[in-house]
C-alpha atoms as a PDB file:
ATOM      1  CA  UNK A   1     -23.333   3.239 -11.691  1.00  0.00           C
ATOM      2  CA  UNK A   2     -19.770   4.471 -11.328  1.00  0.00           C
ATOM      3  CA  UNK A   3     -17.645   2.154  -9.145  1.00  0.00           C
ATOM      4  CA  UNK A   4     -14.932   4.751  -8.616  1.00  0.00           C
ATOM      5  CA  UNK A   5     -14.474   6.816  -5.495  1.00  0.00           C
ATOM      6  CA  UNK A   6     -12.165   9.446  -4.049  1.00  0.00           C
ATOM      7  CA  UNK A   7     -10.795   6.870  -1.558  1.00  0.00           C
ATOM      8  CA  UNK A   8      -9.105   3.531  -2.181  1.00  0.00           C
ATOM      9  CA  UNK A   9      -7.496   0.734  -0.188  1.00  0.00           C
ATOM     10  CA  UNK A  10      -3.788   0.476  -1.000  1.00  0.00           C
ATOM     11  CA  UNK A  11      -2.318  -2.834  -2.092  1.00  0.00           C
ATOM     12  CA  UNK A  12       1.170  -4.034  -2.863  1.00  0.00           C
ATOM     13  CA  UNK A  13       2.115  -7.006  -5.006  1.00  0.00           C
ATOM     14  CA  UNK A  14       4.379  -9.673  -3.486  1.00  0.00           C
ATOM     15  CA  UNK A  15       7.764  -9.856  -5.217  1.00  0.00           C
ATOM     16  CA  UNK A  16       7.942 -13.591  -4.632  1.00  0.00           C
ATOM     17  CA  UNK A  17       4.493 -15.020  -5.381  1.00  0.00           C
ATOM     18  CA  UNK A  18       2.925 -12.140  -7.309  1.00  0.00           C
ATOM     19  CA  UNK A  19      -0.248 -11.966  -5.209  1.00  0.00           C
ATOM     20  CA  UNK A  20      -1.776  -8.652  -4.191  1.00  0.00           C
ATOM     21  CA  UNK A  21      -2.115  -7.937  -0.483  1.00  0.00           C
ATOM     22  CA  UNK A  22      -3.548  -5.049   1.534  1.00  0.00           C
ATOM     23  CA  UNK A  23      -1.078  -2.654   3.148  1.00  0.00           C
ATOM     24  CA  UNK A  24      -3.573  -1.205   5.607  1.00  0.00           C
ATOM     25  CA  UNK A  25      -3.268   2.267   4.099  1.00  0.00           C
ATOM     26  CA  UNK A  26      -5.993   4.375   2.556  1.00  0.00           C
ATOM     27  CA  UNK A  27      -5.408   6.496  -0.542  1.00  0.00           C
ATOM     28  CA  UNK A  28      -7.245   9.764  -1.019  1.00  0.00           C
ATOM     29  CA  UNK A  29      -7.689  11.813  -4.178  1.00  0.00           C
ATOM     30  CA  UNK A  30      -6.818  15.330  -2.973  1.00  0.00           C
ATOM     31  CA  UNK A  31      -9.275  16.869  -5.441  1.00  0.00           C
ATOM     32  CA  UNK A  32     -12.029  14.580  -4.101  1.00  0.00           C
ATOM     33  CA  UNK A  33     -12.734  13.298  -7.596  1.00  0.00           C
ATOM     34  CA  UNK A  34     -14.052   9.804  -8.169  1.00  0.00           C
ATOM     35  CA  UNK A  35     -10.856   8.574  -9.807  1.00  0.00           C
ATOM     36  CA  UNK A  36      -9.854   5.564  -7.681  1.00  0.00           C
ATOM     37  CA  UNK A  37     -10.892   1.923  -7.758  1.00  0.00           C
ATOM     38  CA  UNK A  38     -11.781   0.089  -4.534  1.00  0.00           C
ATOM     39  CA  UNK A  39      -8.235  -1.357  -4.420  1.00  0.00           C
ATOM     40  CA  UNK A  40      -5.161   0.315  -5.904  1.00  0.00           C
ATOM     41  CA  UNK A  41      -1.792  -1.438  -6.308  1.00  0.00           C
ATOM     42  CA  UNK A  42       0.974   1.071  -5.717  1.00  0.00           C
ATOM     43  CA  UNK A  43       4.153  -0.985  -5.573  1.00  0.00           C
ATOM     44  CA  UNK A  44       6.011  -4.124  -4.627  1.00  0.00           C
ATOM     45  CA  UNK A  45       6.501  -5.711  -1.226  1.00  0.00           C
ATOM     46  CA  UNK A  46       6.348  -9.030   0.570  1.00  0.00           C
ATOM     47  CA  UNK A  47       3.178 -10.801   1.669  1.00  0.00           C
ATOM     48  CA  UNK A  48       3.022 -11.988   5.291  1.00  0.00           C
ATOM     49  CA  UNK A  49       4.356 -15.483   4.537  1.00  0.00           C
ATOM     50  CA  UNK A  50       7.318 -14.302   2.481  1.00  0.00           C
ATOM     51  CA  UNK A  51       8.051 -11.446   4.923  1.00  0.00           C
ATOM     52  CA  UNK A  52       8.286 -14.037   7.708  1.00  0.00           C
ATOM     53  CA  UNK A  53      10.680 -16.203   5.675  1.00  0.00           C
ATOM     54  CA  UNK A  54      12.807 -13.158   4.777  1.00  0.00           C
ATOM     55  CA  UNK A  55      12.951 -12.142   8.447  1.00  0.00           C
ATOM     56  CA  UNK A  56      14.120 -15.682   9.297  1.00  0.00           C
ATOM     57  CA  UNK A  57      17.089 -15.279   6.947  1.00  0.00           C
ATOM     58  CA  UNK A  58      15.832 -16.882   3.749  1.00  0.00           C
ATOM     59  CA  UNK A  59      16.141 -15.647   0.189  1.00  0.00           C
ATOM     60  CA  UNK A  60      13.507 -16.765  -2.323  1.00  0.00           C
ATOM     61  CA  UNK A  61      14.438 -18.216  -5.695  1.00  0.00           C
ATOM     62  CA  UNK A  62      11.599 -17.445  -8.096  1.00  0.00           C
ATOM     63  CA  UNK A  63      11.604 -19.432 -11.330  1.00  0.00           C
ATOM     64  CA  UNK A  64      10.787 -17.304 -14.379  1.00  0.00           C
ATOM     65  CA  UNK A  65      10.271 -18.253 -18.004  1.00  0.00           C
ATOM     66  CA  UNK A  66      12.832 -16.282 -20.069  1.00  0.00           C
ATOM     67  CA  UNK A  67      10.761 -16.664 -23.245  1.00  0.00           C
ATOM     68  CA  UNK A  68       7.710 -15.004 -21.704  1.00  0.00           C
ATOM     69  CA  UNK A  69       9.519 -12.506 -19.482  1.00  0.00           C
ATOM     70  CA  UNK A  70      10.463  -9.066 -20.669  1.00  0.00           C
ATOM     71  CA  UNK A  71      13.976  -8.414 -21.853  1.00  0.00           C
ATOM     72  CA  UNK A  72      16.217  -6.525 -19.421  1.00  0.00           C
ATOM     73  CA  UNK A  73      17.147  -3.138 -20.836  1.00  0.00           C
ATOM     74  CA  UNK A  74      20.420  -1.465 -19.942  1.00  0.00           C
ATOM     75  CA  UNK A  75      21.184  -3.866 -17.088  1.00  0.00           C
ATOM     76  CA  UNK A  76      21.354  -7.609 -16.726  1.00  0.00           C
ATOM     77  CA  UNK A  77      18.630  -7.568 -14.074  1.00  0.00           C
ATOM     78  CA  UNK A  78      15.020  -8.501 -14.672  1.00  0.00           C
ATOM     79  CA  UNK A  79      12.499  -6.096 -13.159  1.00  0.00           C
ATOM     80  CA  UNK A  80       9.616  -7.561 -11.125  1.00  0.00           C
ATOM     81  CA  UNK A  81       7.006  -6.288 -13.581  1.00  0.00           C
ATOM     82  CA  UNK A  82       8.883  -7.975 -16.475  1.00  0.00           C
ATOM     83  CA  UNK A  83       9.159 -11.386 -14.791  1.00  0.00           C
ATOM     84  CA  UNK A  84       6.821 -14.146 -15.935  1.00  0.00           C
ATOM     85  CA  UNK A  85       6.676 -16.363 -12.843  1.00  0.00           C
ATOM     86  CA  UNK A  86       6.212 -20.099 -13.437  1.00  0.00           C
ATOM     87  CA  UNK A  87       4.975 -20.713  -9.891  1.00  0.00           C
ATOM     88  CA  UNK A  88       8.016 -22.708  -8.764  1.00  0.00           C
ATOM     89  CA  UNK A  89       9.749 -21.355  -5.664  1.00  0.00           C
ATOM     90  CA  UNK A  90      12.595 -22.359  -3.411  1.00  0.00           C
ATOM     91  CA  UNK A  91      13.888 -20.730  -0.255  1.00  0.00           C
ATOM     92  CA  UNK A  92      17.540 -20.884   0.781  1.00  0.00           C
ATOM     93  CA  UNK A  93      19.229 -19.508   3.860  1.00  0.00           C
ATOM     94  CA  UNK A  94      21.300 -16.483   2.902  1.00  0.00           C
ATOM     95  CA  UNK A  95      24.611 -18.122   3.887  1.00  0.00           C
ATOM     96  CA  UNK A  96      23.770 -21.221   1.835  1.00  0.00           C
ATOM     97  CA  UNK A  97      22.850 -19.014  -1.127  1.00  0.00           C
ATOM     98  CA  UNK A  98      26.223 -17.262  -0.849  1.00  0.00           C
ATOM     99  CA  UNK A  99      27.983 -20.648  -0.821  1.00  0.00           C
ATOM    100  CA  UNK A 100      26.142 -21.995  -3.866  1.00  0.00           C
ATOM    101  CA  UNK A 101      25.989 -18.904  -6.072  1.00  0.00           C
ATOM    102  CA  UNK A 102      28.840 -16.529  -6.758  1.00  0.00           C
ATOM    103  CA  UNK A 103      26.825 -13.309  -6.926  1.00  0.00           C
ATOM    104  CA  UNK A 104      26.519 -10.510  -4.387  1.00  0.00           C
ATOM    105  CA  UNK A 105      23.231 -10.300  -2.530  1.00  0.00           C
ATOM    106  CA  UNK A 106      22.182  -7.088  -0.806  1.00  0.00           C
ATOM    107  CA  UNK A 107      21.003  -7.422   2.792  1.00  0.00           C
ATOM    108  CA  UNK A 108      17.541  -6.109   1.852  1.00  0.00           C
ATOM    109  CA  UNK A 109      17.154  -8.295  -1.257  1.00  0.00           C
ATOM    110  CA  UNK A 110      14.322 -10.751  -0.628  1.00  0.00           C
ATOM    111  CA  UNK A 111      14.377 -12.732  -3.879  1.00  0.00           C
ATOM    112  CA  UNK A 112      16.213 -13.537  -7.071  1.00  0.00           C
ATOM    113  CA  UNK A 113      14.741 -14.591 -10.388  1.00  0.00           C
ATOM    114  CA  UNK A 114      16.179 -17.824 -11.780  1.00  0.00           C
ATOM    115  CA  UNK A 115      15.818 -19.665 -15.072  1.00  0.00           C
ATOM    116  CA  UNK A 116      13.958 -22.964 -15.344  1.00  0.00           C
ATOM    117  CA  UNK A 117      16.093 -25.881 -14.174  1.00  0.00           C
ATOM    118  CA  UNK A 118      17.966 -24.087 -11.392  1.00  0.00           C
ATOM    119  CA  UNK A 119      15.609 -25.271  -8.662  1.00  0.00           C
ATOM    120  CA  UNK A 120      15.800 -28.862  -9.949  1.00  0.00           C
ATOM    121  CA  UNK A 121      19.614 -28.680  -9.879  1.00  0.00           C
ATOM    122  CA  UNK A 122      19.500 -27.504  -6.270  1.00  0.00           C
ATOM    123  CA  UNK A 123      17.103 -30.307  -5.344  1.00  0.00           C
ATOM    124  CA  UNK A 124      19.475 -32.828  -6.930  1.00  0.00           C
ATOM    125  CA  UNK A 125      22.305 -31.500  -4.743  1.00  0.00           C
ATOM    126  CA  UNK A 126      20.387 -32.358  -1.578  1.00  0.00           C
ATOM    127  CA  UNK A 127      21.034 -35.862  -0.306  1.00  0.00           C
ATOM    128  CA  UNK A 128      17.856 -37.642   0.759  1.00  0.00           C
ATOM    129  CA  UNK A 129      17.681 -38.525   4.434  1.00  0.00           C
ATOM    130  CA  UNK A 130      16.981 -42.133   5.312  1.00  0.00           C
ATOM    131  CA  UNK A 131      14.611 -42.726   8.181  1.00  0.00           C
END
């Protein structure tokens, strides 16, 4: 039995955590050919949790393994599809990020990819609170 259809549920992949999530849109093959899977990933976006954090003024630091990630070509920026995420994340307020790092951050930029060790360095900068 063929599992393909002429309709599909659209998905995006979260830039931060890499999980697929439904967009609520339906895709249709205009020729009505059975060419689409049940779910089709069409691009990048933010899942509900990371959208909420972005809307609250946070930027996500996503740790990536440089040995397993693709090599940036032409620019010094790593593309989302090239990034090999290690699973470690940190969220910083945008003003704190600007104070710690000396790189420009676009208003619509939700995340940055960082090398292993950066998140640990940031954690070491935080003074523990005594209760």
